[in-house]
Amino acid sequence: KAQNQLRELEKQLEQRKKELTTQELEAERMYREAQRI
């Protein structure tokens, strides 16, 4: 049961990591767009 809880927490952290990567890419895109303008 404890191992399953740890795996679920790891899964949530990995999902958050993916979300942050997406946000980072979007922030970089916005920066490039602002520079172009």
PDB file of all heavy atoms in Angstrom:
ATOM      1  N   LYS A   1       0.831  -1.197   0.000  1.00  0.00           N
ATOM      2  CA  LYS A   1       0.000   0.000   0.000  1.00  0.00           C
ATOM      3  C   LYS A   1       0.873   1.258   0.000  1.00  0.00           C
ATOM      4  O   LYS A   1       0.627   2.203  -0.751  1.00  0.00           O
ATOM      5  CB  LYS A   1      -0.921  -0.023   1.223  1.00  0.00           C
ATOM      6  CG  LYS A   1      -1.959   1.049   1.244  1.00  0.00           C
ATOM      7  CD  LYS A   1      -2.902   0.848   2.437  1.00  0.00           C
ATOM      8  CE  LYS A   1      -3.923   1.944   2.524  1.00  0.00           C
ATOM      9  NZ  LYS A   1      -4.821   1.772   3.665  1.00  0.00           N
ATOM     10  N   ALA A   2       1.904   1.262   0.826  1.00  0.00           N
ATOM     11  CA  ALA A   2       2.824   2.406   0.891  1.00  0.00           C
ATOM     12  C   ALA A   2       3.566   2.582  -0.434  1.00  0.00           C
ATOM     13  O   ALA A   2       3.735   3.711  -0.912  1.00  0.00           O
ATOM     14  CB  ALA A   2       3.812   2.226   2.039  1.00  0.00           C
ATOM     15  N   GLN A   3       3.998   1.479  -1.029  1.00  0.00           N
ATOM     16  CA  GLN A   3       4.689   1.559  -2.315  1.00  0.00           C
ATOM     17  C   GLN A   3       3.770   2.142  -3.385  1.00  0.00           C
ATOM     18  O   GLN A   3       4.207   2.939  -4.218  1.00  0.00           O
ATOM     19  CB  GLN A   3       5.198   0.187  -2.742  1.00  0.00           C
ATOM     20  CG  GLN A   3       6.402  -0.276  -1.966  1.00  0.00           C
ATOM     21  CD  GLN A   3       6.794  -1.713  -2.310  1.00  0.00           C
ATOM     22  OE1 GLN A   3       5.963  -2.521  -2.698  1.00  0.00           O
ATOM     23  NE2 GLN A   3       8.073  -2.018  -2.152  1.00  0.00           N
ATOM     24  N   ASN A   4       2.511   1.751  -3.366  1.00  0.00           N
ATOM     25  CA  ASN A   4       1.557   2.293  -4.334  1.00  0.00           C
ATOM     26  C   ASN A   4       1.381   3.796  -4.144  1.00  0.00           C
ATOM     27  O   ASN A   4       1.275   4.545  -5.123  1.00  0.00           O
ATOM     28  CB  ASN A   4       0.207   1.576  -4.225  1.00  0.00           C
ATOM     29  CG  ASN A   4       0.258   0.175  -4.785  1.00  0.00           C
ATOM     30  OD1 ASN A   4       1.118  -0.157  -5.591  1.00  0.00           O
ATOM     31  ND2 ASN A   4      -0.664  -0.665  -4.339  1.00  0.00           N
ATOM     32  N   GLN A   5       1.363   4.234  -2.896  1.00  0.00           N
ATOM     33  CA  GLN A   5       1.244   5.669  -2.622  1.00  0.00           C
ATOM     34  C   GLN A   5       2.476   6.416  -3.119  1.00  0.00           C
ATOM     35  O   GLN A   5       2.362   7.511  -3.686  1.00  0.00           O
ATOM     36  CB  GLN A   5       1.028   5.912  -1.131  1.00  0.00           C
ATOM     37  CG  GLN A   5      -0.331   5.471  -0.641  1.00  0.00           C
ATOM     38  CD  GLN A   5      -0.477   5.554   0.872  1.00  0.00           C
ATOM     39  OE1 GLN A   5       0.506   5.554   1.605  1.00  0.00           O
ATOM     40  NE2 GLN A   5      -1.713   5.628   1.336  1.00  0.00           N
ATOM     41  N   LEU A   6       3.653   5.833  -2.917  1.00  0.00           N
ATOM     42  CA  LEU A   6       4.883   6.460  -3.412  1.00  0.00           C
ATOM     43  C   LEU A   6       4.885   6.527  -4.935  1.00  0.00           C
ATOM     44  O   LEU A   6       5.295   7.537  -5.521  1.00  0.00           O
ATOM     45  CB  LEU A   6       6.113   5.703  -2.904  1.00  0.00           C
ATOM     46  CG  LEU A   6       6.415   5.839  -1.417  1.00  0.00           C
ATOM     47  CD1 LEU A   6       7.549   4.898  -1.014  1.00  0.00           C
ATOM     48  CD2 LEU A   6       6.765   7.277  -1.058  1.00  0.00           C
ATOM     49  N   ARG A   7       4.425   5.465  -5.587  1.00  0.00           N
ATOM     50  CA  ARG A   7       4.352   5.465  -7.059  1.00  0.00           C
ATOM     51  C   ARG A   7       3.381   6.526  -7.553  1.00  0.00           C
ATOM     52  O   ARG A   7       3.645   7.199  -8.556  1.00  0.00           O
ATOM     53  CB  ARG A   7       3.925   4.096  -7.571  1.00  0.00           C
ATOM     54  CG  ARG A   7       5.062   3.122  -7.677  1.00  0.00           C
ATOM     55  CD  ARG A   7       4.657   1.860  -8.451  1.00  0.00           C
ATOM     56  NE  ARG A   7       5.357   0.755  -7.866  1.00  0.00           N
ATOM     57  CZ  ARG A   7       4.824  -0.181  -7.081  1.00  0.00           C
ATOM     58  NH1 ARG A   7       3.552  -0.178  -6.818  1.00  0.00           N
ATOM     59  NH2 ARG A   7       5.558  -1.139  -6.576  1.00  0.00           N
ATOM     60  N   GLU A   8       2.254   6.668  -6.861  1.00  0.00           N
ATOM     61  CA  GLU A   8       1.264   7.677  -7.254  1.00  0.00           C
ATOM     62  C   GLU A   8       1.845   9.078  -7.093  1.00  0.00           C
ATOM     63  O   GLU A   8       1.652   9.931  -7.962  1.00  0.00           O
ATOM     64  CB  GLU A   8      -0.011   7.527  -6.415  1.00  0.00           C
ATOM     65  CG  GLU A   8      -1.108   8.482  -6.793  1.00  0.00           C
ATOM     66  CD  GLU A   8      -1.586   8.367  -8.232  1.00  0.00           C
ATOM     67  OE1 GLU A   8      -1.580   7.254  -8.804  1.00  0.00           O
ATOM     68  OE2 GLU A   8      -1.966   9.410  -8.802  1.00  0.00           O
ATOM     69  N   LEU A   9       2.565   9.306  -6.021  1.00  0.00           N
ATOM     70  CA  LEU A   9       3.209  10.603  -5.824  1.00  0.00           C
ATOM     71  C   LEU A   9       4.238  10.864  -6.920  1.00  0.00           C
ATOM     72  O   LEU A   9       4.305  11.965  -7.473  1.00  0.00           O
ATOM     73  CB  LEU A   9       3.870  10.666  -4.444  1.00  0.00           C
ATOM     74  CG  LEU A   9       4.603  11.960  -4.108  1.00  0.00           C
ATOM     75  CD1 LEU A   9       3.685  13.179  -4.229  1.00  0.00           C
ATOM     76  CD2 LEU A   9       5.193  11.879  -2.714  1.00  0.00           C
ATOM     77  N   GLU A  10       5.009   9.860  -7.252  1.00  0.00           N
ATOM     78  CA  GLU A  10       5.997  10.018  -8.323  1.00  0.00           C
ATOM     79  C   GLU A  10       5.300  10.328  -9.651  1.00  0.00           C
ATOM     80  O   GLU A  10       5.747  11.181 -10.420  1.00  0.00           O
ATOM     81  CB  GLU A  10       6.858   8.765  -8.456  1.00  0.00           C
ATOM     82  CG  GLU A  10       7.949   8.905  -9.503  1.00  0.00           C
ATOM     83  CD  GLU A  10       8.855   7.701  -9.601  1.00  0.00           C
ATOM     84  OE1 GLU A  10       8.455   6.598  -9.176  1.00  0.00           O
ATOM     85  OE2 GLU A  10       9.965   7.857 -10.133  1.00  0.00           O
ATOM     86  N   LYS A  11       4.202   9.661  -9.903  1.00  0.00           N
ATOM     87  CA  LYS A  11       3.430   9.901 -11.126  1.00  0.00           C
ATOM     88  C   LYS A  11       2.943  11.353 -11.176  1.00  0.00           C
ATOM     89  O   LYS A  11       3.031  12.008 -12.217  1.00  0.00           O
ATOM     90  CB  LYS A  11       2.243   8.932 -11.153  1.00  0.00           C
ATOM     91  CG  LYS A  11       1.424   8.950 -12.396  1.00  0.00           C
ATOM     92  CD  LYS A  11       0.336   7.874 -12.280  1.00  0.00           C
ATOM     93  CE  LYS A  11      -0.674   7.970 -13.387  1.00  0.00           C
ATOM     94  NZ  LYS A  11      -1.740   6.969 -13.256  1.00  0.00           N
ATOM     95  N   GLN A  12       2.469  11.868 -10.048  1.00  0.00           N
ATOM     96  CA  GLN A  12       2.012  13.258  -9.981  1.00  0.00           C
ATOM     97  C   GLN A  12       3.164  14.226 -10.221  1.00  0.00           C
ATOM     98  O   GLN A  12       3.008  15.231 -10.932  1.00  0.00           O
ATOM     99  CB  GLN A  12       1.362  13.537  -8.629  1.00  0.00           C
ATOM    100  CG  GLN A  12       0.045  12.831  -8.429  1.00  0.00           C
ATOM    101  CD  GLN A  12      -0.461  12.950  -6.994  1.00  0.00           C
ATOM    102  OE1 GLN A  12       0.130  13.631  -6.156  1.00  0.00           O
ATOM    103  NE2 GLN A  12      -1.563  12.270  -6.701  1.00  0.00           N
ATOM    104  N   LEU A  13       4.320  13.924  -9.636  1.00  0.00           N
ATOM    105  CA  LEU A  13       5.491  14.792  -9.831  1.00  0.00           C
ATOM    106  C   LEU A  13       5.942  14.778 -11.293  1.00  0.00           C
ATOM    107  O   LEU A  13       6.304  15.822 -11.846  1.00  0.00           O
ATOM    108  CB  LEU A  13       6.631  14.363  -8.913  1.00  0.00           C
ATOM    109  CG  LEU A  13       6.409  14.602  -7.413  1.00  0.00           C
ATOM    110  CD1 LEU A  13       7.556  13.993  -6.610  1.00  0.00           C
ATOM    111  CD2 LEU A  13       6.254  16.075  -7.106  1.00  0.00           C
ATOM    112  N   GLU A  14       5.911  13.617 -11.907  1.00  0.00           N
ATOM    113  CA  GLU A  14       6.298  13.523 -13.326  1.00  0.00           C
ATOM    114  C   GLU A  14       5.305  14.287 -14.201  1.00  0.00           C
ATOM    115  O   GLU A  14       5.708  14.934 -15.176  1.00  0.00           O
ATOM    116  CB  GLU A  14       6.381  12.056 -13.763  1.00  0.00           C
ATOM    117  CG  GLU A  14       7.549  11.294 -13.165  1.00  0.00           C
ATOM    118  CD  GLU A  14       8.912  11.754 -13.642  1.00  0.00           C
ATOM    119  OE1 GLU A  14       9.019  12.450 -14.680  1.00  0.00           O
ATOM    120  OE2 GLU A  14       9.909  11.416 -12.968  1.00  0.00           O
ATOM    121  N   GLN A  15       4.026  14.237 -13.861  1.00  0.00           N
ATOM    122  CA  GLN A  15       3.018  14.989 -14.612  1.00  0.00           C
ATOM    123  C   GLN A  15       3.273  16.487 -14.473  1.00  0.00           C
ATOM    124  O   GLN A  15       3.200  17.231 -15.446  1.00  0.00           O
ATOM    125  CB  GLN A  15       1.604  14.641 -14.128  1.00  0.00           C
ATOM    126  CG  GLN A  15       0.508  15.390 -14.851  1.00  0.00           C
ATOM    127  CD  GLN A  15       0.480  15.115 -16.340  1.00  0.00           C
ATOM    128  OE1 GLN A  15       0.726  14.001 -16.782  1.00  0.00           O
ATOM    129  NE2 GLN A  15       0.170  16.137 -17.126  1.00  0.00           N
ATOM    130  N   ARG A  16       3.597  16.927 -13.266  1.00  0.00           N
ATOM    131  CA  ARG A  16       3.899  18.344 -13.048  1.00  0.00           C
ATOM    132  C   ARG A  16       5.140  18.753 -13.831  1.00  0.00           C
ATOM    133  O   ARG A  16       5.210  19.855 -14.383  1.00  0.00           O
ATOM    134  CB  ARG A  16       4.090  18.623 -11.546  1.00  0.00           C
ATOM    135  CG  ARG A  16       4.367  20.059 -11.231  1.00  0.00           C
ATOM    136  CD  ARG A  16       3.202  20.963 -11.590  1.00  0.00           C
ATOM    137  NE  ARG A  16       3.554  22.359 -11.338  1.00  0.00           N
ATOM    138  CZ  ARG A  16       3.206  23.369 -12.112  1.00  0.00           C
ATOM    139  NH1 ARG A  16       2.441  23.141 -13.159  1.00  0.00           N
ATOM    140  NH2 ARG A  16       3.592  24.588 -11.835  1.00  0.00           N
ATOM    141  N   LYS A  17       6.110  17.854 -13.905  1.00  0.00           N
ATOM    142  CA  LYS A  17       7.327  18.114 -14.675  1.00  0.00           C
ATOM    143  C   LYS A  17       6.983  18.348 -16.144  1.00  0.00           C
ATOM    144  O   LYS A  17       7.503  19.273 -16.784  1.00  0.00           O
ATOM    145  CB  LYS A  17       8.283  16.929 -14.518  1.00  0.00           C
ATOM    146  CG  LYS A  17       9.610  17.087 -15.196  1.00  0.00           C
ATOM    147  CD  LYS A  17      10.476  15.863 -14.914  1.00  0.00           C
ATOM    148  CE  LYS A  17      11.754  15.882 -15.693  1.00  0.00           C
ATOM    149  NZ  LYS A  17      12.544  14.657 -15.458  1.00  0.00           N
ATOM    150  N   LYS A  18       6.087  17.530 -16.691  1.00  0.00           N
ATOM    151  CA  LYS A  18       5.658  17.707 -18.090  1.00  0.00           C
ATOM    152  C   LYS A  18       4.948  19.043 -18.278  1.00  0.00           C
ATOM    153  O   LYS A  18       5.171  19.737 -19.274  1.00  0.00           O
ATOM    154  CB  LYS A  18       4.721  16.567 -18.497  1.00  0.00           C
ATOM    155  CG  LYS A  18       5.404  15.243 -18.699  1.00  0.00           C
ATOM    156  CD  LYS A  18       4.402  14.166 -19.062  1.00  0.00           C
ATOM    157  CE  LYS A  18       5.072  12.807 -19.132  1.00  0.00           C
ATOM    158  NZ  LYS A  18       4.117  11.738 -19.451  1.00  0.00           N
ATOM    159  N   GLU A  19       4.091  19.385 -17.310  1.00  0.00           N
ATOM    160  CA  GLU A  19       3.376  20.662 -17.397  1.00  0.00           C
ATOM    161  C   GLU A  19       4.356  21.832 -17.399  1.00  0.00           C
ATOM    162  O   GLU A  19       4.184  22.788 -18.159  1.00  0.00           O
ATOM    163  CB  GLU A  19       2.402  20.804 -16.221  1.00  0.00           C
ATOM    164  CG  GLU A  19       1.230  19.847 -16.269  1.00  0.00           C
ATOM    165  CD  GLU A  19       0.435  19.810 -14.966  1.00  0.00           C
ATOM    166  OE1 GLU A  19       0.772  20.571 -14.020  1.00  0.00           O
ATOM    167  OE2 GLU A  19      -0.530  19.029 -14.894  1.00  0.00           O
ATOM    168  N   LEU A  20       5.372  21.750 -16.555  1.00  0.00           N
ATOM    169  CA  LEU A  20       6.364  22.831 -16.494  1.00  0.00           C
ATOM    170  C   LEU A  20       7.163  22.931 -17.791  1.00  0.00           C
ATOM    171  O   LEU A  20       7.492  24.038 -18.236  1.00  0.00           O
ATOM    172  CB  LEU A  20       7.306  22.624 -15.304  1.00  0.00           C
ATOM    173  CG  LEU A  20       6.694  22.899 -13.936  1.00  0.00           C
ATOM    174  CD1 LEU A  20       7.662  22.480 -12.837  1.00  0.00           C
ATOM    175  CD2 LEU A  20       6.316  24.363 -13.790  1.00  0.00           C
ATOM    176  N   THR A  21       7.458  21.801 -18.378  1.00  0.00           N
ATOM    177  CA  THR A  21       8.183  21.821 -19.654  1.00  0.00           C
ATOM    178  C   THR A  21       7.337  22.514 -20.713  1.00  0.00           C
ATOM    179  O   THR A  21       7.844  23.339 -21.486  1.00  0.00           O
ATOM    180  CB  THR A  21       8.540  20.382 -20.090  1.00  0.00           C
ATOM    181  OG1 THR A  21       9.386  19.806 -19.089  1.00  0.00           O
ATOM    182  CG2 THR A  21       9.250  20.369 -21.424  1.00  0.00           C
ATOM    183  N   THR A  22       6.060  22.214 -20.731  1.00  0.00           N
ATOM    184  CA  THR A  22       5.147  22.862 -21.679  1.00  0.00           C
ATOM    185  C   THR A  22       5.098  24.362 -21.418  1.00  0.00           C
ATOM    186  O   THR A  22       5.152  25.170 -22.356  1.00  0.00           O
ATOM    187  CB  THR A  22       3.734  22.244 -21.566  1.00  0.00           C
ATOM    188  OG1 THR A  22       3.825  20.851 -21.844  1.00  0.00           O
ATOM    189  CG2 THR A  22       2.759  22.902 -22.517  1.00  0.00           C
ATOM    190  N   GLN A  23       5.005  24.750 -20.144  1.00  0.00           N
ATOM    191  CA  GLN A  23       4.986  26.174 -19.793  1.00  0.00           C
ATOM    192  C   GLN A  23       6.287  26.862 -20.192  1.00  0.00           C
ATOM    193  O   GLN A  23       6.286  28.003 -20.667  1.00  0.00           O
ATOM    194  CB  GLN A  23       4.745  26.353 -18.293  1.00  0.00           C
ATOM    195  CG  GLN A  23       3.350  26.004 -17.854  1.00  0.00           C
ATOM    196  CD  GLN A  23       3.188  26.111 -16.344  1.00  0.00           C
ATOM    197  OE1 GLN A  23       4.072  26.586 -15.637  1.00  0.00           O
ATOM    198  NE2 GLN A  23       2.052  25.654 -15.841  1.00  0.00           N
ATOM    199  N   GLU A  24       7.399  26.168 -20.005  1.00  0.00           N
ATOM    200  CA  GLU A  24       8.696  26.739 -20.370  1.00  0.00           C
ATOM    201  C   GLU A  24       8.765  26.982 -21.869  1.00  0.00           C
ATOM    202  O   GLU A  24       9.204  28.041 -22.332  1.00  0.00           O
ATOM    203  CB  GLU A  24       9.824  25.813 -19.922  1.00  0.00           C
ATOM    204  CG  GLU A  24      11.204  26.348 -20.255  1.00  0.00           C
ATOM    205  CD  GLU A  24      12.310  25.393 -19.845  1.00  0.00           C
ATOM    206  OE1 GLU A  24      12.098  24.166 -19.865  1.00  0.00           O
ATOM    207  OE2 GLU A  24      13.389  25.893 -19.509  1.00  0.00           O
ATOM    208  N   LEU A  25       8.328  26.000 -22.634  1.00  0.00           N
ATOM    209  CA  LEU A  25       8.336  26.157 -24.093  1.00  0.00           C
ATOM    210  C   LEU A  25       7.440  27.317 -24.530  1.00  0.00           C
ATOM    211  O   LEU A  25       7.801  28.087 -25.426  1.00  0.00           O
ATOM    212  CB  LEU A  25       7.898  24.855 -24.769  1.00  0.00           C
ATOM    213  CG  LEU A  25       8.856  23.674 -24.625  1.00  0.00           C
ATOM    214  CD1 LEU A  25       8.230  22.407 -25.162  1.00  0.00           C
ATOM    215  CD2 LEU A  25      10.184  23.970 -25.306  1.00  0.00           C
ATOM    216  N   GLU A  26       6.296  27.452 -23.894  1.00  0.00           N
ATOM    217  CA  GLU A  26       5.384  28.549 -24.224  1.00  0.00           C
ATOM    218  C   GLU A  26       6.005  29.894 -23.849  1.00  0.00           C
ATOM    219  O   GLU A  26       5.909  30.864 -24.609  1.00  0.00           O
ATOM    220  CB  GLU A  26       4.038  28.359 -23.514  1.00  0.00           C
ATOM    221  CG  GLU A  26       3.033  29.442 -23.784  1.00  0.00           C
ATOM    222  CD  GLU A  26       2.625  29.578 -25.248  1.00  0.00           C
ATOM    223  OE1 GLU A  26       2.833  28.646 -26.048  1.00  0.00           O
ATOM    224  OE2 GLU A  26       2.091  30.652 -25.599  1.00  0.00           O
ATOM    225  N   ALA A  27       6.651  29.977 -22.706  1.00  0.00           N
ATOM    226  CA  ALA A  27       7.302  31.220 -22.290  1.00  0.00           C
ATOM    227  C   ALA A  27       8.423  31.586 -23.261  1.00  0.00           C
ATOM    228  O   ALA A  27       8.585  32.765 -23.618  1.00  0.00           O
ATOM    229  CB  ALA A  27       7.842  31.088 -20.866  1.00  0.00           C
ATOM    230  N   GLU A  28       9.179  30.600 -23.688  1.00  0.00           N
ATOM    231  CA  GLU A  28      10.241  30.858 -24.670  1.00  0.00           C
ATOM    232  C   GLU A  28       9.661  31.318 -25.995  1.00  0.00           C
ATOM    233  O   GLU A  28      10.190  32.225 -26.644  1.00  0.00           O
ATOM    234  CB  GLU A  28      11.101  29.610 -24.864  1.00  0.00           C
ATOM    235  CG  GLU A  28      11.988  29.305 -23.686  1.00  0.00           C
ATOM    236  CD  GLU A  28      12.709  27.972 -23.805  1.00  0.00           C
ATOM    237  OE1 GLU A  28      12.361  27.167 -24.701  1.00  0.00           O
ATOM    238  OE2 GLU A  28      13.615  27.733 -22.998  1.00  0.00           O
ATOM    239  N   ARG A  29       8.546  30.720 -26.415  1.00  0.00           N
ATOM    240  CA  ARG A  29       7.886  31.117 -27.668  1.00  0.00           C
ATOM    241  C   ARG A  29       7.411  32.563 -27.575  1.00  0.00           C
ATOM    242  O   ARG A  29       7.602  33.357 -28.496  1.00  0.00           O
ATOM    243  CB  ARG A  29       6.701  30.194 -27.972  1.00  0.00           C
ATOM    244  CG  ARG A  29       6.070  30.450 -29.346  1.00  0.00           C
ATOM    245  CD  ARG A  29       4.711  29.795 -29.476  1.00  0.00           C
ATOM    246  NE  ARG A  29       3.718  30.322 -28.563  1.00  0.00           N
ATOM    247  CZ  ARG A  29       3.106  31.516 -28.675  1.00  0.00           C
ATOM    248  NH1 ARG A  29       3.413  32.334 -29.649  1.00  0.00           N
ATOM    249  NH2 ARG A  29       2.194  31.894 -27.796  1.00  0.00           N
ATOM    250  N   MET A  30       6.823  32.901 -26.424  1.00  0.00           N
ATOM    251  CA  MET A  30       6.338  34.271 -26.230  1.00  0.00           C
ATOM    252  C   MET A  30       7.498  35.267 -26.244  1.00  0.00           C
ATOM    253  O   MET A  30       7.378  36.356 -26.798  1.00  0.00           O
ATOM    254  CB  MET A  30       5.546  34.363 -24.919  1.00  0.00           C
ATOM    255  CG  MET A  30       4.204  33.647 -24.973  1.00  0.00           C
ATOM    256  SD  MET A  30       3.350  33.549 -23.380  1.00  0.00           S
ATOM    257  CE  MET A  30       3.204  35.266 -22.944  1.00  0.00           C
ATOM    258  N   TYR A  31       8.613  34.867 -25.659  1.00  0.00           N
ATOM    259  CA  TYR A  31       9.789  35.734 -25.646  1.00  0.00           C
ATOM    260  C   TYR A  31      10.291  35.972 -27.071  1.00  0.00           C
ATOM    261  O   TYR A  31      10.565  37.110 -27.466  1.00  0.00           O
ATOM    262  CB  TYR A  31      10.889  35.118 -24.791  1.00  0.00           C
ATOM    263  CG  TYR A  31      12.239  35.737 -25.033  1.00  0.00           C
ATOM    264  CD1 TYR A  31      12.495  37.048 -24.643  1.00  0.00           C
ATOM    265  CD2 TYR A  31      13.241  35.025 -25.659  1.00  0.00           C
ATOM    266  CE1 TYR A  31      13.726  37.627 -24.876  1.00  0.00           C
ATOM    267  CE2 TYR A  31      14.473  35.610 -25.903  1.00  0.00           C
ATOM    268  CZ  TYR A  31      14.712  36.896 -25.518  1.00  0.00           C
ATOM    269  OH  TYR A  31      15.928  37.471 -25.756  1.00  0.00           O
ATOM    270  N   ARG A  32      10.396  34.910 -27.849  1.00  0.00           N
ATOM    271  CA  ARG A  32      10.859  35.044 -29.245  1.00  0.00           C
ATOM    272  C   ARG A  32       9.906  35.921 -30.052  1.00  0.00           C
ATOM    273  O   ARG A  32      10.336  36.741 -30.864  1.00  0.00           O
ATOM    274  CB  ARG A  32      11.020  33.671 -29.888  1.00  0.00           C
ATOM    275  CG  ARG A  32      12.247  32.909 -29.404  1.00  0.00           C
ATOM    276  CD  ARG A  32      12.553  31.684 -30.255  1.00  0.00           C
ATOM    277  NE  ARG A  32      11.444  30.746 -30.340  1.00  0.00           N
ATOM    278  CZ  ARG A  32      11.167  29.793 -29.447  1.00  0.00           C
ATOM    279  NH1 ARG A  32      11.936  29.666 -28.390  1.00  0.00           N
ATOM    280  NH2 ARG A  32      10.150  28.969 -29.609  1.00  0.00           N
ATOM    281  N   GLU A  33       8.620  35.746 -29.801  1.00  0.00           N
ATOM    282  CA  GLU A  33       7.619  36.565 -30.494  1.00  0.00           C
ATOM    283  C   GLU A  33       7.782  38.032 -30.115  1.00  0.00           C
ATOM    284  O   GLU A  33       7.734  38.920 -30.968  1.00  0.00           O
ATOM    285  CB  GLU A  33       6.212  36.069 -30.160  1.00  0.00           C
ATOM    286  CG  GLU A  33       5.108  36.814 -30.847  1.00  0.00           C
ATOM    287  CD  GLU A  33       5.079  36.633 -32.359  1.00  0.00           C
ATOM    288  OE1 GLU A  33       5.676  35.668 -32.867  1.00  0.00           O
ATOM    289  OE2 GLU A  33       4.470  37.482 -33.036  1.00  0.00           O
ATOM    290  N   ALA A  34       8.006  38.309 -28.827  1.00  0.00           N
ATOM    291  CA  ALA A  34       8.197  39.689 -28.372  1.00  0.00           C
ATOM    292  C   ALA A  34       9.456  40.281 -28.989  1.00  0.00           C
ATOM    293  O   ALA A  34       9.466  41.449 -29.403  1.00  0.00           O
ATOM    294  CB  ALA A  34       8.268  39.731 -26.847  1.00  0.00           C
ATOM    295  N   GLN A  35      10.510  39.488 -29.097  1.00  0.00           N
ATOM    296  CA  GLN A  35      11.760  39.960 -29.711  1.00  0.00           C
ATOM    297  C   GLN A  35      11.539  40.275 -31.189  1.00  0.00           C
ATOM    298  O   GLN A  35      12.033  41.276 -31.690  1.00  0.00           O
ATOM    299  CB  GLN A  35      12.845  38.898 -29.591  1.00  0.00           C
ATOM    300  CG  GLN A  35      13.622  38.960 -28.321  1.00  0.00           C
ATOM    301  CD  GLN A  35      14.818  38.003 -28.359  1.00  0.00           C
ATOM    302  OE1 GLN A  35      14.737  36.940 -28.973  1.00  0.00           O
ATOM    303  NE2 GLN A  35      15.883  38.389 -27.704  1.00  0.00           N
ATOM    304  N   ARG A  36      10.818  39.394 -31.862  1.00  0.00           N
ATOM    305  CA  ARG A  36      10.554  39.600 -33.289  1.00  0.00           C
ATOM    306  C   ARG A  36       9.792  40.907 -33.502  1.00  0.00           C
ATOM    307  O   ARG A  36      10.123  41.693 -34.386  1.00  0.00           O
ATOM    308  CB  ARG A  36       9.762  38.421 -33.857  1.00  0.00           C
ATOM    309  CG  ARG A  36       9.580  38.477 -35.369  1.00  0.00           C
ATOM    310  CD  ARG A  36       8.663  37.373 -35.880  1.00  0.00           C
ATOM    311  NE  ARG A  36       7.317  37.432 -35.346  1.00  0.00           N
ATOM    312  CZ  ARG A  36       6.364  38.295 -35.721  1.00  0.00           C
ATOM    313  NH1 ARG A  36       6.618  39.197 -36.630  1.00  0.00           N
ATOM    314  NH2 ARG A  36       5.161  38.253 -35.190  1.00  0.00           N
ATOM    315  N   ILE A  37       8.801  41.153 -32.651  1.00  0.00           N
ATOM    316  CA  ILE A  37       8.004  42.369 -32.770  1.00  0.00           C
ATOM    317  C   ILE A  37       8.866  43.591 -32.509  1.00  0.00           C
ATOM    318  O   ILE A  37       8.754  44.609 -33.226  1.00  0.00           O
ATOM    319  CB  ILE A  37       6.788  42.320 -31.829  1.00  0.00           C
ATOM    320  CG1 ILE A  37       5.798  41.264 -32.326  1.00  0.00           C
ATOM    321  CG2 ILE A  37       6.112  43.677 -31.697  1.00  0.00           C
ATOM    322  CD1 ILE A  37       4.657  40.963 -31.372  1.00  0.00           C
TER     323      ILE A  37
END
